């Protein structure tokens, strides 16, 4: 038997936050990860955190307050908002992030124009709450770099070069700006050198850079991380969780955790049974592709339930939705590509299987999928078509296809992208009514030429415009689709993680069906229920709470140890 103070199950943002906080509080910590790679869903993510009233925003002169943020959350989640969790998050999110930045290699920056996703609601911010992690040099990890989960292959250029949010404007302008061309050339040259010694680029951005920085910090603290070591059972004595049984190198290993166990296993986006139970369109037999890693099968939730923990099922949505396209691979498989950005650019519209627009394309990805589901209600499948003209695809790209000068030919040959010289011809290729599609485009174009969208209001608030092109007017999100060839890409529902999880209190303690804390058992990240009640108020509302409740759990465990 091995003894430690705190056992952390999972190696995403929540797990590393708990482990590092506990270590700095003087506890012995052991992390275990079921996969052979560490990083979890966070390694796939943008790494953004939603932190109202943060010091980076204040340094830019952005006024914000807990009261404003709570007002916004109340308008977002309504009676689904758990005030105890919301207050715990808002009271602790800034201390948590300041602890992380002061004691690890992680660094964040504010984006002053990155608005909340519904910026016209009371309490919403027009920017500053979402923090972006700075790039990190993966070479600093040494041999550990090979154990870091790589991002989704579809999200990397040339099969291995990461692009951060701040890189994208340069990519879009690389053929029209000398400064942007130099920026892209510098990244590409660095990548070419990296590939001489590594399987992918070592300039890490987004969540990959966040996890790498946390992992190096944990290694420097002497925190052990066991890979390929799933937890198979929680141990209890007199109703108190005292440790776990871990399968390591094929053999059961009993771990005694004197101060408790933190479950941070990433929710259930790869579990077909749970998705069928909670995702309505999946239950109806319609296609869905989750973006998170395939090992996220609800292990933490089931472990919590085995110890008496209860699920908090009253959420607005069970998952964080995102539309995805399926990118063909050389071996015949397809990989999902999450569509976060180009829908809001000028020159794009989305139509349902009948050839009609059904949503504001510049709205958040989480809002777009329910609109797609509703538009396809009663149909044989849930899907839509993202359309654009030649000017748009060459300037901004589409899905996994980069802008000019990157080629379109391979994607046309694989069937990932469809094209035609006329809308009538394209309608035939995608199987929608030709006259309906032509009427839709004609109506949209007439309004877009004036910078207007009376049907859905594309480009009418700060979040829409953030996703648009600031150099394009009069509306940064609107342009007629009029220069052929014309292009279409099929989108289906996907997710970037689950919201439905274990019920916890403001100390991150797992609760039973009566609302009583289970001593010695904590949950953070996507294993705990959504702080926002299953809504999606802004960029970073999963990783922000993950870092925060990992911090809260560890501090509570350390305080218990001191008694």
Protein backbone atom coordinates (compact mmCIF):
# COMPACT_ATOMS: atom_id res chain seq x y z
CA UNK A 1 0.00 0.00 0.00
CA UNK A 2 1.13 3.53 -0.86
CA UNK A 3 0.20 6.51 1.32
CA UNK A 4 -0.25 10.12 0.33
CA UNK A 5 -2.24 13.10 1.57
CA UNK A 6 -4.25 13.88 -1.56
CA UNK A 7 -4.95 11.62 -4.52
CA UNK A 8 -5.86 13.52 -7.69
CA UNK A 9 -7.56 11.50 -10.43
CA UNK A 10 -7.06 13.12 -13.85
CA UNK A 11 -4.47 15.38 -15.44
CA UNK A 12 -6.38 18.27 -16.98
CA UNK A 13 -6.57 21.83 -15.68
CA UNK A 14 -8.67 20.87 -12.64
CA UNK A 15 -6.33 18.05 -11.64
CA UNK A 16 -3.14 20.08 -11.95
CA UNK A 17 -4.71 23.02 -10.13
CA UNK A 18 -5.69 20.78 -7.20
CA UNK A 19 -2.30 19.06 -7.12
CA UNK A 20 -0.25 22.27 -7.23
CA UNK A 21 -2.42 24.05 -4.66
CA UNK A 22 -2.21 21.10 -2.28
CA UNK A 23 1.55 20.81 -2.73
CA UNK A 24 2.09 24.48 -1.94
CA UNK A 25 -0.10 24.01 1.15
CA UNK A 26 2.29 21.35 2.40
CA UNK A 27 0.42 18.19 1.41
CA UNK A 28 1.92 15.14 -0.27
CA UNK A 29 0.18 14.65 -3.61
CA UNK A 30 -0.13 11.82 -6.11
CA UNK A 31 -1.75 12.29 -9.53
CA UNK A 32 -3.03 9.33 -11.54
CA UNK A 33 -4.16 9.36 -15.18
CA UNK A 34 -5.86 6.45 -16.95
CA UNK A 35 -4.43 7.35 -20.37
CA UNK A 36 -0.86 6.98 -21.57
CA UNK A 37 -0.86 10.72 -22.28
CA UNK A 38 -1.59 13.55 -19.86
CA UNK A 39 -3.56 16.73 -20.37
CA UNK A 40 -7.12 15.52 -20.84
CA UNK A 41 -9.65 17.73 -22.60
CA UNK A 42 -7.71 20.83 -21.58
CA UNK A 43 -4.88 19.82 -23.92
CA UNK A 44 -7.38 19.98 -26.81
CA UNK A 45 -8.95 23.25 -25.72
CA UNK A 46 -8.28 26.93 -26.31
CA UNK A 47 -7.08 27.14 -22.69
CA UNK A 48 -9.18 30.26 -22.12
CA UNK A 49 -10.52 31.02 -18.64
CA UNK A 50 -13.51 33.20 -17.72
CA UNK A 51 -12.49 35.23 -14.67
CA UNK A 52 -14.62 38.31 -13.89
CA UNK A 53 -12.77 41.25 -12.32
CA UNK A 54 -9.32 39.83 -13.05
CA UNK A 55 -6.13 41.83 -12.56
CA UNK A 56 -5.23 41.76 -16.26
CA UNK A 57 -8.49 43.45 -17.15
CA UNK A 58 -8.03 46.01 -14.39
CA UNK A 59 -4.57 46.81 -15.75
CA UNK A 60 -6.25 47.68 -19.06
CA UNK A 61 -8.73 49.94 -17.31
CA UNK A 62 -11.68 47.55 -17.64
CA UNK A 63 -14.19 48.01 -14.83
CA UNK A 64 -15.86 44.84 -13.56
CA UNK A 65 -17.29 43.51 -10.33
CA UNK A 66 -18.54 40.33 -8.71
CA UNK A 67 -22.00 41.91 -8.54
CA UNK A 68 -22.09 42.47 -12.30
CA UNK A 69 -20.89 38.94 -13.01
CA UNK A 70 -23.46 37.40 -10.67
CA UNK A 71 -26.22 39.47 -12.26
CA UNK A 72 -25.15 38.17 -15.66
CA UNK A 73 -25.08 34.55 -14.48
CA UNK A 74 -28.53 34.94 -12.96
CA UNK A 75 -29.90 36.19 -16.27
CA UNK A 76 -28.12 33.39 -18.14
CA UNK A 77 -29.07 30.43 -15.95
CA UNK A 78 -32.22 31.63 -14.22
CA UNK A 79 -33.47 29.25 -11.53
CA UNK A 80 -30.87 26.66 -12.58
CA UNK A 81 -28.10 28.77 -11.09
CA UNK A 82 -26.76 27.26 -7.86
CA UNK A 83 -25.97 30.40 -5.87
CA UNK A 84 -23.64 28.58 -3.50
CA UNK A 85 -21.47 27.39 -6.41
CA UNK A 86 -21.70 30.70 -8.25
CA UNK A 87 -20.59 32.64 -5.18
CA UNK A 88 -17.81 30.14 -4.43
CA UNK A 89 -16.55 30.53 -7.98
CA UNK A 90 -16.72 34.32 -8.06
CA UNK A 91 -15.11 34.65 -4.62
CA UNK A 92 -12.26 32.29 -5.44
CA UNK A 93 -11.58 32.59 -9.18
CA UNK A 94 -9.20 35.53 -8.89
CA UNK A 95 -7.26 34.14 -5.90
CA UNK A 96 -7.00 30.83 -7.80
CA UNK A 97 -5.64 32.38 -11.00
CA UNK A 98 -3.29 34.68 -9.10
CA UNK A 99 -1.99 31.66 -7.19
CA UNK A 100 -1.44 29.80 -10.50
CA UNK A 101 0.33 32.72 -12.14
CA UNK A 102 2.42 33.53 -9.06
CA UNK A 103 3.53 29.95 -8.41
CA UNK A 104 3.69 28.22 -11.81
CA UNK A 105 4.95 28.87 -15.34
CA UNK A 106 1.43 29.76 -16.54
CA UNK A 107 0.88 33.29 -17.81
CA UNK A 108 -2.37 34.82 -19.07
CA UNK A 109 -3.38 37.98 -20.89
CA UNK A 110 -6.71 39.75 -21.17
CA UNK A 111 -8.41 40.33 -24.51
CA UNK A 112 -10.17 43.69 -24.12
CA UNK A 113 -12.68 43.17 -26.96
CA UNK A 114 -13.54 39.50 -26.25
CA UNK A 115 -17.11 40.08 -25.12
CA UNK A 116 -19.32 37.72 -23.15
CA UNK A 117 -21.43 35.54 -25.43
CA UNK A 118 -24.66 37.46 -24.70
CA UNK A 119 -23.29 40.96 -24.19
CA UNK A 120 -26.65 42.75 -24.20
CA UNK A 121 -27.84 41.00 -21.03
CA UNK A 122 -27.59 42.81 -17.67
CA UNK A 123 -24.19 42.38 -16.05
CA UNK A 124 -22.47 41.20 -19.23
CA UNK A 125 -19.00 42.46 -20.08
CA UNK A 126 -17.95 43.82 -23.47
CA UNK A 127 -14.49 42.38 -22.94
CA UNK A 128 -11.77 41.55 -20.42
CA UNK A 129 -13.29 38.59 -18.56
CA UNK A 130 -11.82 35.94 -20.87
CA UNK A 131 -8.08 35.39 -20.38
CA UNK A 132 -5.86 33.77 -23.00
CA UNK A 133 -2.80 31.68 -22.04
CA UNK A 134 0.50 32.84 -23.48
CA UNK A 135 2.52 30.43 -25.67
CA UNK A 136 4.85 27.98 -23.95
CA UNK A 137 8.03 26.31 -25.19
CA UNK A 138 7.34 22.57 -25.09
CA UNK A 139 11.06 21.80 -25.19
CA UNK A 140 11.19 22.81 -21.53
CA UNK A 141 9.32 19.60 -20.69
CA UNK A 142 12.20 17.43 -21.88
CA UNK A 143 11.17 13.78 -22.16
CA UNK A 144 7.73 14.61 -20.75
CA UNK A 145 6.90 16.43 -24.00
CA UNK A 146 6.27 13.10 -25.70
CA UNK A 147 3.71 12.23 -23.02
CA UNK A 148 1.72 15.45 -23.46
CA UNK A 149 -1.52 14.87 -25.36
CA UNK A 150 -1.30 16.63 -28.71
CA UNK A 151 -4.17 18.86 -29.85
CA UNK A 152 -6.74 17.59 -32.30
CA UNK A 153 -4.87 16.93 -35.51
CA UNK A 154 -7.49 18.85 -37.47
CA UNK A 155 -6.71 21.97 -35.40
CA UNK A 156 -3.00 22.05 -36.30
CA UNK A 157 -1.48 23.42 -39.51
CA UNK A 158 0.67 21.04 -41.58
CA UNK A 159 -0.31 18.22 -39.23
CA UNK A 160 1.63 19.52 -36.23
CA UNK A 161 1.92 23.33 -35.97
CA UNK A 162 -0.24 24.98 -33.32
CA UNK A 163 -2.00 28.28 -33.93
CA UNK A 164 -3.16 30.43 -31.05
CA UNK A 165 -6.02 32.91 -31.11
CA UNK A 166 -3.55 35.77 -31.54
CA UNK A 167 -1.99 34.02 -34.55
CA UNK A 168 -5.23 33.80 -36.53
CA UNK A 169 -5.46 37.47 -37.61
CA UNK A 170 -1.96 37.13 -39.06
CA UNK A 171 -2.93 33.94 -40.90
CA UNK A 172 -5.96 35.69 -42.42
CA UNK A 173 -3.78 38.64 -43.57
CA UNK A 174 -0.58 36.84 -44.52
CA UNK A 175 -0.98 37.56 -48.24
CA UNK A 176 -1.93 41.22 -47.67
CA UNK A 177 0.34 42.37 -44.83
CA UNK A 178 4.13 42.24 -44.63
CA UNK A 179 3.96 42.13 -40.83
CA UNK A 180 1.55 39.20 -40.89
CA UNK A 181 3.60 37.42 -43.55
CA UNK A 182 6.69 37.70 -41.32
CA UNK A 183 4.74 36.41 -38.31
CA UNK A 184 3.49 33.35 -40.19
CA UNK A 185 6.92 32.78 -41.75
CA UNK A 186 8.52 32.86 -38.32
CA UNK A 187 6.06 30.28 -36.93
CA UNK A 188 6.54 28.07 -39.96
CA UNK A 189 10.34 28.23 -39.77
CA UNK A 190 10.23 27.34 -36.07
CA UNK A 191 7.95 24.42 -36.89
CA UNK A 192 10.27 23.17 -39.65
CA UNK A 193 13.21 23.15 -37.21
CA UNK A 194 11.10 21.42 -34.56
CA UNK A 195 10.23 18.58 -36.92
CA UNK A 196 13.90 17.64 -37.18
CA UNK A 197 13.72 16.31 -33.62
CA UNK A 198 10.04 16.14 -32.66
CA UNK A 199 6.82 14.61 -33.96
CA UNK A 200 5.13 18.02 -33.87
CA UNK A 201 5.84 21.67 -33.16
CA UNK A 202 7.08 22.73 -29.73
CA UNK A 203 5.62 26.24 -29.78
CA UNK A 204 2.59 25.38 -27.67
CA UNK A 205 -0.46 27.62 -27.57
CA UNK A 206 -3.99 27.36 -26.19
CA UNK A 207 -4.74 24.59 -23.68
CA UNK A 208 -1.72 22.59 -24.78
CA UNK A 209 0.57 25.36 -23.62
CA UNK A 210 -1.43 25.73 -20.40
CA UNK A 211 -1.08 22.03 -19.54
CA UNK A 212 2.62 22.00 -20.43
CA UNK A 213 3.28 24.94 -18.11
CA UNK A 214 1.31 23.31 -15.29
CA UNK A 215 3.04 19.95 -15.81
CA UNK A 216 6.52 21.47 -15.67
CA UNK A 217 5.55 23.30 -12.50
CA UNK A 218 4.21 20.09 -10.94
CA UNK A 219 7.38 18.20 -11.89
CA UNK A 220 9.50 20.89 -10.27
CA UNK A 221 7.42 20.52 -7.10
CA UNK A 222 8.14 16.79 -7.07
CA UNK A 223 4.50 15.82 -7.68
CA UNK A 224 4.32 12.30 -9.05
CA UNK A 225 2.11 11.66 -12.09
CA UNK A 226 1.32 8.05 -12.93
CA UNK A 227 0.19 7.48 -16.50
CA UNK A 228 -1.74 4.45 -17.77
CA UNK A 229 -3.05 4.05 -14.21
CA UNK A 230 -6.87 4.02 -14.01
CA UNK A 231 -8.72 4.11 -10.71
CA UNK A 232 -10.91 1.02 -10.47
CA UNK A 233 -12.41 1.52 -7.02
CA UNK A 234 -12.76 4.09 -4.29
CA UNK A 235 -12.04 2.92 -0.75
CA UNK A 236 -14.30 3.94 2.13
CA UNK A 237 -14.34 3.48 5.88
CA UNK A 238 -17.34 4.56 7.98
CA UNK A 239 -18.64 6.60 5.04
CA UNK A 240 -15.34 8.46 4.55
CA UNK A 241 -13.40 8.09 1.31
CA UNK A 242 -9.93 6.99 2.38
CA UNK A 243 -8.25 6.25 -0.95
CA UNK A 244 -8.56 4.19 -4.07
CA UNK A 245 -7.41 1.10 -5.89
CA UNK A 246 -5.37 1.96 -8.99
CA UNK A 247 -4.46 -0.50 -11.72
CA UNK A 248 -0.80 0.11 -12.50
CA UNK A 249 1.27 -2.05 -14.85
CA UNK A 250 -1.64 -4.47 -14.91
CA UNK A 251 -1.74 -4.94 -11.14
CA UNK A 252 -4.04 -3.42 -8.48
CA UNK A 253 -2.29 -0.92 -6.25
CA UNK A 254 -3.99 0.35 -3.08
CA UNK A 255 -3.50 4.05 -2.40
CA UNK A 256 -4.35 5.45 1.00
CA UNK A 257 -5.21 9.15 0.75
CA UNK A 258 -5.20 10.68 4.21
CA UNK A 259 -6.91 13.92 3.19
CA UNK A 260 -9.10 12.75 0.37
CA UNK A 261 -9.53 12.09 -3.33
CA UNK A 262 -10.20 14.69 -6.03
CA UNK A 263 -12.10 13.44 -9.08
CA UNK A 264 -11.11 15.40 -12.19
CA UNK A 265 -11.57 12.87 -15.00
CA UNK A 266 -13.17 15.08 -17.65
CA UNK A 267 -16.84 14.11 -17.66
CA UNK A 268 -18.47 11.69 -20.13
CA UNK A 269 -18.23 13.03 -23.73
CA UNK A 270 -16.88 9.68 -24.99
CA UNK A 271 -19.45 7.48 -23.25
CA UNK A 272 -22.13 6.36 -25.71
CA UNK A 273 -24.54 5.15 -23.03
CA UNK A 274 -24.56 8.41 -21.10
CA UNK A 275 -24.73 10.50 -24.28
CA UNK A 276 -27.71 8.50 -25.48
CA UNK A 277 -29.38 9.07 -22.12
CA UNK A 278 -28.83 12.81 -21.96
CA UNK A 279 -28.35 14.06 -25.56
CA UNK A 280 -31.80 14.19 -27.17
CA UNK A 281 -30.64 14.08 -30.80
CA UNK A 282 -28.34 11.13 -30.03
CA UNK A 283 -31.24 9.34 -28.36
CA UNK A 284 -33.17 9.87 -31.61
CA UNK A 285 -30.40 8.12 -33.54
CA UNK A 286 -28.85 11.22 -35.11
CA UNK A 287 -25.10 11.70 -35.66
CA UNK A 288 -22.92 13.41 -33.07
CA UNK A 289 -19.13 13.67 -32.75
CA UNK A 290 -17.45 14.69 -29.53
CA UNK A 291 -14.15 16.55 -29.72
CA UNK A 292 -12.64 15.59 -26.31
CA UNK A 293 -10.33 12.58 -25.89
CA UNK A 294 -11.83 9.08 -26.26
CA UNK A 295 -10.88 8.15 -22.70
CA UNK A 296 -13.37 10.59 -21.13
CA UNK A 297 -16.02 7.98 -20.42
CA UNK A 298 -17.55 9.19 -17.18
CA UNK A 299 -15.13 7.32 -14.91
CA UNK A 300 -15.07 10.05 -12.29
CA UNK A 301 -18.84 10.36 -12.25
CA UNK A 302 -19.30 6.61 -11.81
CA UNK A 303 -16.65 6.51 -9.08
CA UNK A 304 -18.43 9.34 -7.30
CA UNK A 305 -21.76 7.55 -7.59
CA UNK A 306 -20.21 4.35 -6.22
CA UNK A 307 -19.36 6.29 -3.06
CA UNK A 308 -22.89 7.67 -2.76
CA UNK A 309 -22.53 10.83 -4.83
CA UNK A 310 -25.53 12.23 -6.67
CA UNK A 311 -25.79 13.62 -10.19
CA UNK A 312 -27.03 17.18 -10.66
CA UNK A 313 -29.26 16.59 -13.69
CA UNK A 314 -31.11 19.90 -13.68
CA UNK A 315 -28.98 21.71 -16.25
CA UNK A 316 -30.05 23.75 -19.24
CA UNK A 317 -27.93 21.56 -21.52
CA UNK A 318 -25.93 18.43 -20.67
CA UNK A 319 -22.89 19.51 -22.71
CA UNK A 320 -21.04 22.42 -24.28
CA UNK A 321 -22.21 22.21 -27.88
CA UNK A 322 -20.19 23.00 -30.99
CA UNK A 323 -20.91 22.29 -34.67
CA UNK A 324 -18.29 20.04 -36.24
CA UNK A 325 -17.32 18.97 -39.73
CA UNK A 326 -15.81 15.53 -40.34
CA UNK A 327 -12.39 15.68 -41.97
CA UNK A 328 -11.46 12.58 -44.07
CA UNK A 329 -8.14 10.95 -43.13
CA UNK A 330 -5.81 8.86 -45.30
CA UNK A 331 -6.75 5.68 -43.42
CA UNK A 332 -10.44 6.12 -44.17
CA UNK A 333 -11.42 7.50 -40.78
CA UNK A 334 -12.80 10.97 -40.14
CA UNK A 335 -11.76 13.40 -37.42
CA UNK A 336 -13.96 16.21 -36.08
CA UNK A 337 -13.14 19.86 -36.64
CA UNK A 338 -14.94 22.26 -34.23
CA UNK A 339 -16.27 25.35 -36.01
CA UNK A 340 -15.62 28.25 -33.65
CA UNK A 341 -14.65 31.17 -35.85
CA UNK A 342 -15.41 31.37 -39.55
CA UNK A 343 -19.20 31.33 -39.18
CA UNK A 344 -18.97 34.92 -37.93
CA UNK A 345 -16.85 36.17 -40.83
CA UNK A 346 -18.32 38.06 -43.80
CA UNK A 347 -19.31 35.87 -46.73
CA UNK A 348 -20.69 32.81 -44.85
CA UNK A 349 -24.20 31.56 -44.17
CA UNK A 350 -25.60 28.29 -42.84
CA UNK A 351 -28.70 26.61 -44.25
CA UNK A 352 -30.81 23.70 -43.04
CA UNK A 353 -31.57 20.62 -45.19
CA UNK A 354 -34.39 22.61 -46.78
CA UNK A 355 -32.01 25.32 -48.02
CA UNK A 356 -33.12 28.02 -45.54
CA UNK A 357 -31.11 29.96 -42.98
CA UNK A 358 -32.08 29.01 -39.44
CA UNK A 359 -29.72 30.87 -37.08
CA UNK A 360 -27.39 33.78 -36.55
CA UNK A 361 -24.10 32.38 -37.84
CA UNK A 362 -22.06 34.74 -35.66
CA UNK A 363 -23.73 33.57 -32.44
CA UNK A 364 -21.78 31.33 -30.09
CA UNK A 365 -21.10 27.75 -31.11
CA UNK A 366 -23.08 26.58 -28.07
CA UNK A 367 -26.17 28.50 -29.27
CA UNK A 368 -25.76 27.41 -32.89
CA UNK A 369 -26.19 23.67 -32.26
CA UNK A 370 -29.60 23.84 -30.49
CA UNK A 371 -30.80 26.01 -33.37
CA UNK A 372 -29.61 23.30 -35.78
CA UNK A 373 -31.36 20.60 -33.75
CA UNK A 374 -34.60 22.57 -33.76
CA UNK A 375 -34.37 23.27 -37.50
CA UNK A 376 -33.98 19.54 -38.17
CA UNK A 377 -36.69 18.34 -35.81
CA UNK A 378 -38.69 15.60 -37.52
CA UNK A 379 -36.01 15.00 -40.15
CA UNK A 380 -33.93 11.87 -40.61
CA UNK A 381 -30.73 13.59 -39.50
CA UNK A 382 -29.52 16.67 -37.68
CA UNK A 383 -27.15 18.58 -39.92
CA UNK A 384 -26.70 21.80 -41.84
CA UNK A 385 -24.58 23.21 -44.64
CA UNK A 386 -22.07 26.01 -44.18
CA UNK A 387 -21.84 27.99 -47.42
CA UNK A 388 -19.48 30.65 -48.71
CA UNK A 389 -18.18 32.18 -51.91
CA UNK A 390 -14.68 32.09 -53.36
CA UNK A 391 -13.61 35.42 -51.89
CA UNK A 392 -14.49 34.31 -48.36
CA UNK A 393 -12.85 30.89 -48.44
CA UNK A 394 -9.63 32.28 -49.90
CA UNK A 395 -9.48 35.01 -47.27
CA UNK A 396 -10.59 33.14 -44.14
CA UNK A 397 -10.56 29.44 -44.96
CA UNK A 398 -13.32 27.04 -43.97
CA UNK A 399 -13.22 24.36 -41.31
CA UNK A 400 -9.89 22.56 -41.46
CA UNK A 401 -9.03 24.37 -44.71
CA UNK A 402 -6.70 27.33 -44.33
CA UNK A 403 -6.87 30.57 -46.33
CA UNK A 404 -4.88 31.27 -49.49
CA UNK A 405 -2.29 30.25 -50.51
CA UNK A 406 -3.15 26.87 -48.97
CA UNK A 407 -4.78 24.62 -51.59
CA UNK A 408 -8.44 23.65 -51.91
CA UNK A 409 -7.87 20.74 -54.30
CA UNK A 410 -7.16 17.97 -51.77
CA UNK A 411 -10.32 18.81 -49.82
CA UNK A 412 -12.45 18.91 -52.96
CA UNK A 413 -11.10 15.51 -54.01
CA UNK A 414 -11.75 13.98 -50.58
CA UNK A 415 -15.34 15.24 -50.52
CA UNK A 416 -14.78 17.31 -47.38
CA UNK A 417 -15.57 20.42 -49.44
CA UNK A 418 -18.11 20.65 -52.28
CA UNK A 419 -18.11 23.35 -54.94
CA UNK A 420 -20.08 24.51 -57.95
CA UNK A 421 -20.14 27.44 -60.34
CA UNK A 422 -23.76 28.31 -59.51
CA UNK A 423 -26.08 28.05 -56.53
CA UNK A 424 -28.44 25.85 -58.48
CA UNK A 425 -25.66 23.38 -59.24
CA UNK A 426 -24.46 23.43 -55.62
CA UNK A 427 -28.01 22.79 -54.40
CA UNK A 428 -28.05 19.60 -56.44
CA UNK A 429 -24.76 18.45 -54.93
CA UNK A 430 -25.86 18.98 -51.33
CA UNK A 431 -29.40 17.73 -51.84
CA UNK A 432 -31.46 20.82 -51.07
CA UNK A 433 -34.22 22.48 -53.07
CA UNK A 434 -32.57 24.61 -55.75
CA UNK A 435 -35.15 27.38 -55.83
CA UNK A 436 -35.28 27.62 -52.05
CA UNK A 437 -31.50 27.94 -51.78
CA UNK A 438 -31.32 30.55 -54.52
CA UNK A 439 -34.10 32.55 -52.84
CA UNK A 440 -32.26 32.33 -49.51
CA UNK A 441 -28.99 33.58 -50.99
CA UNK A 442 -30.68 36.33 -53.01
CA UNK A 443 -32.53 37.64 -49.94
CA UNK A 444 -29.42 37.46 -47.74
CA UNK A 445 -27.21 39.16 -50.33
CA UNK A 446 -29.54 42.12 -50.78
CA UNK A 447 -29.47 42.89 -47.07
CA UNK A 448 -25.78 42.01 -46.55
CA UNK A 449 -24.77 44.57 -49.18
CA UNK A 450 -26.16 47.19 -46.79
CA UNK A 451 -24.55 45.56 -43.76
CA UNK A 452 -27.92 44.39 -42.45
CA UNK A 453 -29.43 41.07 -41.40
CA UNK A 454 -33.06 41.73 -40.44
CA UNK A 455 -33.76 38.00 -40.15
CA UNK A 456 -31.20 36.97 -37.52
CA UNK A 457 -29.19 40.08 -36.60
CA UNK A 458 -25.74 38.82 -37.60
CA UNK A 459 -23.09 41.30 -36.50
CA UNK A 460 -25.32 43.35 -34.21
CA UNK A 461 -23.53 42.93 -30.87
CA UNK A 462 -19.99 43.02 -29.50
CA UNK A 463 -19.50 39.26 -29.46
CA UNK A 464 -20.62 38.89 -33.07
CA UNK A 465 -18.27 41.65 -34.15
CA UNK A 466 -15.38 40.11 -32.22
CA UNK A 467 -15.72 37.04 -34.46
CA UNK A 468 -16.01 39.13 -37.61
CA UNK A 469 -13.40 40.96 -39.65
CA UNK A 470 -12.68 44.41 -38.17
CA UNK A 471 -11.30 45.61 -41.53
CA UNK A 472 -14.57 44.88 -43.32
CA UNK A 473 -17.49 47.34 -43.38
CA UNK A 474 -20.12 48.43 -42.82
CA UNK A 475 -20.77 45.23 -40.83
CA UNK A 476 -17.70 43.08 -39.94
CA UNK A 477 -19.80 39.91 -40.11
CA UNK A 478 -21.71 40.43 -43.36
CA UNK A 479 -20.86 40.32 -47.05
CA UNK A 480 -22.86 39.08 -50.04
CA UNK A 481 -22.01 35.61 -51.36
CA UNK A 482 -21.65 36.51 -55.00
CA UNK A 483 -18.24 35.51 -56.42
CA UNK A 484 -18.14 31.93 -57.67
CA UNK A 485 -17.22 29.20 -57.37
CA UNK A 486 -19.45 28.62 -54.35
CA UNK A 487 -18.65 26.15 -51.59
CA UNK A 488 -20.48 23.96 -49.07
CA UNK A 489 -19.38 21.99 -46.02
CA UNK A 490 -21.60 19.71 -43.95
CA UNK A 491 -21.84 20.32 -40.20
CA UNK A 492 -23.31 18.06 -37.52
CA UNK A 493 -23.70 18.48 -33.74
CA UNK A 494 -20.66 17.97 -31.54
CA UNK A 495 -19.47 18.92 -28.08
CA UNK A 496 -16.30 20.09 -26.34
CA UNK A 497 -17.18 18.63 -22.94
CA UNK A 498 -20.05 17.82 -20.62
CA UNK A 499 -21.92 20.06 -18.17
CA UNK A 500 -23.89 17.43 -16.30
CA UNK A 501 -21.88 16.04 -13.39
CA UNK A 502 -21.67 15.25 -9.70
CA UNK A 503 -23.43 17.52 -7.25
CA UNK A 504 -20.91 19.43 -5.12
CA UNK A 505 -20.98 22.18 -2.51
CA UNK A 506 -19.00 25.41 -2.37
CA UNK A 507 -15.96 23.52 -1.05
CA UNK A 508 -16.03 21.14 -4.06
CA UNK A 509 -17.13 18.28 -1.79
CA UNK A 510 -19.27 15.65 -3.52
CA UNK A 511 -22.81 15.55 -2.12
CA UNK A 512 -25.12 12.56 -1.69
CA UNK A 513 -28.79 12.50 -2.66
CA UNK A 514 -29.71 14.23 0.61
CA UNK A 515 -27.23 17.06 0.01
CA UNK A 516 -24.79 15.82 2.65
CA UNK A 517 -21.06 16.06 1.86
CA UNK A 518 -19.20 12.76 1.45
CA UNK A 519 -16.11 13.23 3.57
CA UNK A 520 -12.85 12.81 1.75
CA UNK A 521 -14.34 13.09 -1.76
CA UNK A 522 -14.06 16.13 -4.02
CA UNK A 523 -14.87 16.78 -7.68
CA UNK A 524 -13.69 19.50 -10.05
CA UNK A 525 -13.70 20.21 -13.77
CA UNK A 526 -16.28 18.39 -15.85
CA UNK A 527 -16.79 15.70 -13.20
CA UNK A 528 -18.71 18.29 -11.14
CA UNK A 529 -21.90 19.91 -12.32
CA UNK A 530 -21.67 23.11 -14.34
CA UNK A 531 -21.29 26.23 -12.20
CA UNK A 532 -23.37 28.03 -14.84
CA UNK A 533 -26.28 25.58 -14.71
CA UNK A 534 -25.52 24.14 -18.13
CA UNK A 535 -25.42 27.49 -19.90
CA UNK A 536 -22.47 29.01 -21.78
CA UNK A 537 -22.04 32.68 -20.78
CA UNK A 538 -18.60 33.32 -22.26
CA UNK A 539 -15.26 31.99 -23.44
CA UNK A 540 -13.52 29.98 -20.73
CA UNK A 541 -16.49 29.03 -18.55
CA UNK A 542 -15.28 25.44 -18.26
CA UNK A 543 -11.55 25.84 -17.61
CA UNK A 544 -12.03 28.92 -15.41
CA UNK A 545 -14.18 26.96 -12.93
CA UNK A 546 -11.93 23.89 -13.38
CA UNK A 547 -8.86 25.78 -12.16
CA UNK A 548 -10.92 27.47 -9.45
CA UNK A 549 -12.61 24.38 -7.97
CA UNK A 550 -9.38 22.37 -8.14
CA UNK A 551 -7.91 25.18 -6.04
CA UNK A 552 -10.93 25.20 -3.70
CA UNK A 553 -10.83 21.41 -3.20
CA UNK A 554 -7.13 21.41 -2.34
CA UNK A 555 -7.44 24.31 0.07
CA UNK A 556 -10.32 22.62 1.87
CA UNK A 557 -8.37 19.36 2.10
CA UNK A 558 -5.35 21.25 3.46
CA UNK A 559 -7.50 23.09 6.00
CA UNK A 560 -8.97 19.80 7.15
CA UNK A 561 -5.44 18.43 7.58
CA UNK A 562 -4.53 21.37 9.78
CA UNK A 563 -7.37 20.74 12.23
